[in-house]
Amino acid sequence: MSFTTNDMILIETRVATERKSAGAAYLLWFFLGWVSAHRFYLGKPVTAILQILSYFILVGFLWWLLDLFLIPGIIDQKSGEVREDMTRALRRRGLGY
């Protein structure tokens, strides 16, 4: 099944609408990183909790620093998931499910 231009616009609009702000993520990382607010914001609650727990053994601080470089990839990953979900939904719609 091929998508129409309107379908593609719908997918990309949804991706843009649901895309998290890198600026907001970095602000949360900088000011509230000790409670992993940036990971909660980016939709990663399990790793946020693991990160909070790991602060007690000092690994969390290194993980917090590593997140400085991981934030853009997490945002792109979430956008890809939204794109895939919309693509599946449009395919189901086109197949009459």
N, C-alpha and C. Protein backbone atom coordinates (compact mmCIF):
# COMPACT_ATOMS: atom_id res chain seq x y z
N MET A 1 0.84 -1.18 0.00
CA MET A 1 0.00 0.00 0.00
C MET A 1 0.88 1.24 0.00
N SER A 2 0.60 2.15 -0.90
CA SER A 2 1.36 3.40 -0.91
C SER A 2 0.50 4.49 -0.28
N PHE A 3 1.18 5.43 0.32
CA PHE A 3 0.50 6.51 1.01
C PHE A 3 0.31 7.70 0.09
N THR A 4 -0.78 8.40 0.30
CA THR A 4 -1.01 9.63 -0.45
C THR A 4 -0.19 10.75 0.19
N THR A 5 -0.13 11.85 -0.49
CA THR A 5 0.56 13.01 0.05
C THR A 5 -0.08 13.46 1.35
N ASN A 6 -1.40 13.42 1.39
CA ASN A 6 -2.10 13.81 2.62
C ASN A 6 -1.76 12.88 3.77
N ASP A 7 -1.62 11.58 3.49
CA ASP A 7 -1.23 10.63 4.54
C ASP A 7 0.16 10.96 5.07
N MET A 8 1.07 11.25 4.18
CA MET A 8 2.44 11.58 4.58
C MET A 8 2.46 12.88 5.39
N ILE A 9 1.66 13.85 4.98
CA ILE A 9 1.57 15.11 5.73
C ILE A 9 1.01 14.85 7.12
N LEU A 10 -0.01 13.99 7.21
CA LEU A 10 -0.59 13.64 8.49
C LEU A 10 0.44 12.99 9.41
N ILE A 11 1.22 12.07 8.87
CA ILE A 11 2.26 11.39 9.66
C ILE A 11 3.28 12.39 10.18
N GLU A 12 3.81 13.21 9.28
CA GLU A 12 4.86 14.16 9.67
C GLU A 12 4.33 15.25 10.61
N THR A 13 3.06 15.62 10.46
CA THR A 13 2.46 16.59 11.39
C THR A 13 2.38 16.00 12.78
N ARG A 14 1.97 14.74 12.85
CA ARG A 14 1.88 14.06 14.16
C ARG A 14 3.26 13.95 14.79
N VAL A 15 4.27 13.59 13.99
CA VAL A 15 5.63 13.48 14.50
C VAL A 15 6.09 14.83 15.05
N ALA A 16 5.86 15.90 14.30
CA ALA A 16 6.28 17.23 14.74
C ALA A 16 5.53 17.67 15.98
N THR A 17 4.26 17.35 16.08
CA THR A 17 3.45 17.74 17.22
C THR A 17 3.90 17.04 18.49
N GLU A 18 4.24 15.76 18.37
CA GLU A 18 4.61 14.97 19.55
C GLU A 18 6.10 15.02 19.87
N ARG A 19 6.89 15.65 19.02
CA ARG A 19 8.33 15.71 19.24
C ARG A 19 8.65 16.52 20.50
N LYS A 20 9.52 15.98 21.31
CA LYS A 20 9.93 16.65 22.54
C LYS A 20 10.97 17.71 22.21
N SER A 21 11.00 18.74 23.00
CA SER A 21 11.93 19.84 22.81
C SER A 21 13.29 19.49 23.41
N ALA A 22 14.33 19.58 22.60
CA ALA A 22 15.68 19.33 23.10
C ALA A 22 16.05 20.40 24.13
N GLY A 23 15.64 21.63 23.91
CA GLY A 23 15.93 22.70 24.86
C GLY A 23 15.33 22.43 26.22
N ALA A 24 14.07 22.00 26.23
CA ALA A 24 13.42 21.68 27.50
C ALA A 24 14.10 20.50 28.17
N ALA A 25 14.47 19.50 27.37
CA ALA A 25 15.14 18.32 27.93
C ALA A 25 16.48 18.71 28.56
N TYR A 26 17.23 19.57 27.89
CA TYR A 26 18.52 20.00 28.45
C TYR A 26 18.35 20.87 29.70
N LEU A 27 17.33 21.70 29.72
CA LEU A 27 17.06 22.49 30.93
C LEU A 27 16.70 21.58 32.11
N LEU A 28 15.85 20.59 31.85
CA LEU A 28 15.51 19.63 32.89
C LEU A 28 16.74 18.85 33.33
N TRP A 29 17.58 18.48 32.36
CA TRP A 29 18.81 17.73 32.66
C TRP A 29 19.71 18.57 33.57
N PHE A 30 19.85 19.85 33.25
CA PHE A 30 20.77 20.70 33.99
C PHE A 30 20.25 21.03 35.39
N PHE A 31 18.97 21.43 35.48
CA PHE A 31 18.44 21.89 36.76
C PHE A 31 17.83 20.78 37.62
N LEU A 32 17.27 19.78 37.00
CA LEU A 32 16.60 18.72 37.76
C LEU A 32 17.13 17.32 37.40
N GLY A 33 18.35 17.28 36.91
CA GLY A 33 18.94 16.01 36.52
C GLY A 33 19.07 15.03 37.67
N TRP A 34 19.23 15.52 38.87
CA TRP A 34 19.40 14.66 40.04
C TRP A 34 18.13 13.86 40.35
N VAL A 35 16.97 14.28 39.80
CA VAL A 35 15.75 13.50 39.93
C VAL A 35 15.33 12.93 38.57
N SER A 36 16.26 12.95 37.63
CA SER A 36 16.06 12.38 36.28
C SER A 36 14.83 12.95 35.57
N ALA A 37 14.54 14.21 35.81
CA ALA A 37 13.36 14.84 35.21
C ALA A 37 13.40 14.79 33.68
N HIS A 38 14.58 14.90 33.11
CA HIS A 38 14.71 14.87 31.65
C HIS A 38 14.28 13.52 31.09
N ARG A 39 14.59 12.43 31.79
CA ARG A 39 14.19 11.11 31.31
C ARG A 39 12.69 10.90 31.45
N PHE A 40 12.09 11.41 32.52
CA PHE A 40 10.64 11.33 32.64
C PHE A 40 9.99 12.13 31.51
N TYR A 41 10.51 13.32 31.23
CA TYR A 41 9.98 14.17 30.16
C TYR A 41 10.08 13.47 28.81
N LEU A 42 11.17 12.76 28.59
CA LEU A 42 11.39 12.10 27.30
C LEU A 42 10.68 10.75 27.20
N GLY A 43 9.90 10.41 28.20
CA GLY A 43 9.12 9.17 28.14
C GLY A 43 9.90 7.92 28.48
N LYS A 44 10.90 8.06 29.33
CA LYS A 44 11.74 6.93 29.74
C LYS A 44 11.65 6.74 31.26
N PRO A 45 10.46 6.43 31.80
CA PRO A 45 10.31 6.36 33.26
C PRO A 45 11.11 5.23 33.92
N VAL A 46 11.24 4.10 33.25
CA VAL A 46 11.97 2.98 33.86
C VAL A 46 13.44 3.33 34.03
N THR A 47 14.06 3.88 32.99
CA THR A 47 15.47 4.24 33.11
C THR A 47 15.64 5.44 34.03
N ALA A 48 14.62 6.29 34.13
CA ALA A 48 14.69 7.42 35.07
C ALA A 48 14.78 6.90 36.50
N ILE A 49 13.95 5.94 36.82
CA ILE A 49 13.97 5.37 38.17
C ILE A 49 15.28 4.64 38.43
N LEU A 50 15.75 3.88 37.44
CA LEU A 50 17.04 3.20 37.59
C LEU A 50 18.17 4.20 37.79
N GLN A 51 18.09 5.31 37.07
CA GLN A 51 19.12 6.33 37.21
C GLN A 51 19.09 6.94 38.61
N ILE A 52 17.90 7.23 39.12
CA ILE A 52 17.79 7.78 40.47
C ILE A 52 18.37 6.80 41.49
N LEU A 53 18.02 5.53 41.35
CA LEU A 53 18.54 4.51 42.28
C LEU A 53 20.05 4.37 42.17
N SER A 54 20.58 4.53 40.97
CA SER A 54 22.02 4.35 40.78
C SER A 54 22.84 5.51 41.36
N TYR A 55 22.20 6.63 41.66
CA TYR A 55 22.93 7.73 42.29
C TYR A 55 23.52 7.31 43.64
N PHE A 56 22.87 6.35 44.27
CA PHE A 56 23.33 5.90 45.58
C PHE A 56 24.65 5.14 45.51
N ILE A 57 25.02 4.70 44.31
CA ILE A 57 26.32 4.02 44.16
C ILE A 57 27.25 4.80 43.21
N LEU A 58 26.94 6.07 42.99
CA LEU A 58 27.73 7.02 42.21
C LEU A 58 27.78 6.74 40.71
N VAL A 59 27.18 5.65 40.27
CA VAL A 59 27.11 5.38 38.83
C VAL A 59 26.15 6.38 38.18
N GLY A 60 25.13 6.78 38.92
CA GLY A 60 24.14 7.71 38.39
C GLY A 60 24.73 9.01 37.93
N PHE A 61 25.76 9.49 38.60
CA PHE A 61 26.39 10.74 38.18
C PHE A 61 27.02 10.59 36.80
N LEU A 62 27.68 9.47 36.55
CA LEU A 62 28.27 9.23 35.22
C LEU A 62 27.17 9.09 34.17
N TRP A 63 26.09 8.40 34.54
CA TRP A 63 24.96 8.24 33.64
C TRP A 63 24.35 9.60 33.33
N TRP A 64 24.25 10.45 34.33
CA TRP A 64 23.72 11.80 34.15
C TRP A 64 24.57 12.57 33.13
N LEU A 65 25.89 12.47 33.25
CA LEU A 65 26.77 13.13 32.29
C LEU A 65 26.61 12.54 30.89
N LEU A 66 26.48 11.24 30.81
CA LEU A 66 26.30 10.58 29.52
C LEU A 66 25.01 11.04 28.84
N ASP A 67 23.97 11.31 29.62
CA ASP A 67 22.71 11.78 29.05
C ASP A 67 22.87 13.09 28.29
N LEU A 68 23.88 13.87 28.62
CA LEU A 68 24.15 15.09 27.87
C LEU A 68 24.27 14.79 26.38
N PHE A 69 24.83 13.64 26.06
CA PHE A 69 25.03 13.26 24.66
C PHE A 69 23.90 12.37 24.12
N LEU A 70 23.14 11.74 25.01
CA LEU A 70 22.09 10.82 24.59
C LEU A 70 20.75 11.49 24.29
N ILE A 71 20.52 12.67 24.81
CA ILE A 71 19.21 13.33 24.66
C ILE A 71 18.77 13.46 23.19
N PRO A 72 19.61 13.92 22.26
CA PRO A 72 19.14 14.02 20.87
C PRO A 72 18.71 12.67 20.29
N GLY A 73 19.43 11.63 20.60
CA GLY A 73 19.07 10.31 20.09
C GLY A 73 17.76 9.80 20.66
N ILE A 74 17.51 10.09 21.93
CA ILE A 74 16.25 9.68 22.55
C ILE A 74 15.08 10.40 21.88
N ILE A 75 15.26 11.68 21.59
CA ILE A 75 14.21 12.45 20.92
C ILE A 75 13.96 11.88 19.53
N ASP A 76 15.01 11.58 18.78
CA ASP A 76 14.85 11.01 17.44
C ASP A 76 14.19 9.64 17.50
N GLN A 77 14.55 8.84 18.50
CA GLN A 77 13.94 7.52 18.65
C GLN A 77 12.44 7.63 18.89
N LYS A 78 12.04 8.55 19.76
CA LYS A 78 10.61 8.75 20.04
C LYS A 78 9.87 9.22 18.79
N SER A 79 10.50 10.10 18.01
CA SER A 79 9.87 10.57 16.77
C SER A 79 9.69 9.42 15.80
N GLY A 80 10.67 8.54 15.72
CA GLY A 80 10.56 7.37 14.86
C GLY A 80 9.44 6.45 15.29
N GLU A 81 9.26 6.30 16.60
CA GLU A 81 8.17 5.47 17.11
C GLU A 81 6.81 6.06 16.74
N VAL A 82 6.67 7.38 16.85
CA VAL A 82 5.42 8.03 16.47
C VAL A 82 5.17 7.83 14.98
N ARG A 83 6.23 7.99 14.17
CA ARG A 83 6.11 7.82 12.72
C ARG A 83 5.65 6.39 12.39
N GLU A 84 6.24 5.39 13.05
CA GLU A 84 5.86 4.00 12.82
C GLU A 84 4.42 3.74 13.25
N ASP A 85 4.02 4.27 14.40
CA ASP A 85 2.65 4.09 14.87
C ASP A 85 1.64 4.68 13.89
N MET A 86 1.93 5.88 13.41
CA MET A 86 1.02 6.52 12.45
C MET A 86 0.98 5.75 11.14
N THR A 87 2.13 5.25 10.70
CA THR A 87 2.18 4.48 9.46
C THR A 87 1.33 3.22 9.59
N ARG A 88 1.47 2.51 10.74
CA ARG A 88 0.65 1.31 10.97
C ARG A 88 -0.83 1.65 11.01
N ALA A 89 -1.17 2.75 11.67
CA ALA A 89 -2.57 3.14 11.77
C ALA A 89 -3.15 3.46 10.40
N LEU A 90 -2.38 4.15 9.57
CA LEU A 90 -2.87 4.48 8.23
C LEU A 90 -2.97 3.24 7.36
N ARG A 91 -2.07 2.30 7.54
CA ARG A 91 -2.16 1.04 6.78
C ARG A 91 -3.41 0.27 7.17
N ARG A 92 -3.68 0.21 8.48
CA ARG A 92 -4.89 -0.49 8.94
C ARG A 92 -6.14 0.20 8.38
N ARG A 93 -6.11 1.52 8.38
CA ARG A 93 -7.24 2.27 7.85
C ARG A 93 -7.44 1.96 6.37
N GLY A 94 -6.33 1.88 5.64
CA GLY A 94 -6.40 1.61 4.22
C GLY A 94 -6.84 0.19 3.91
N LEU A 95 -6.58 -0.74 4.82
CA LEU A 95 -6.97 -2.13 4.63
C LEU A 95 -8.37 -2.41 5.15
N GLY A 96 -8.97 -1.42 5.79
CA GLY A 96 -10.34 -1.56 6.26
C GLY A 96 -10.49 -2.23 7.61
N TYR A 97 -9.44 -2.22 8.43
CA TYR A 97 -9.53 -2.83 9.78
C TYR A 97 -10.24 -1.92 10.71
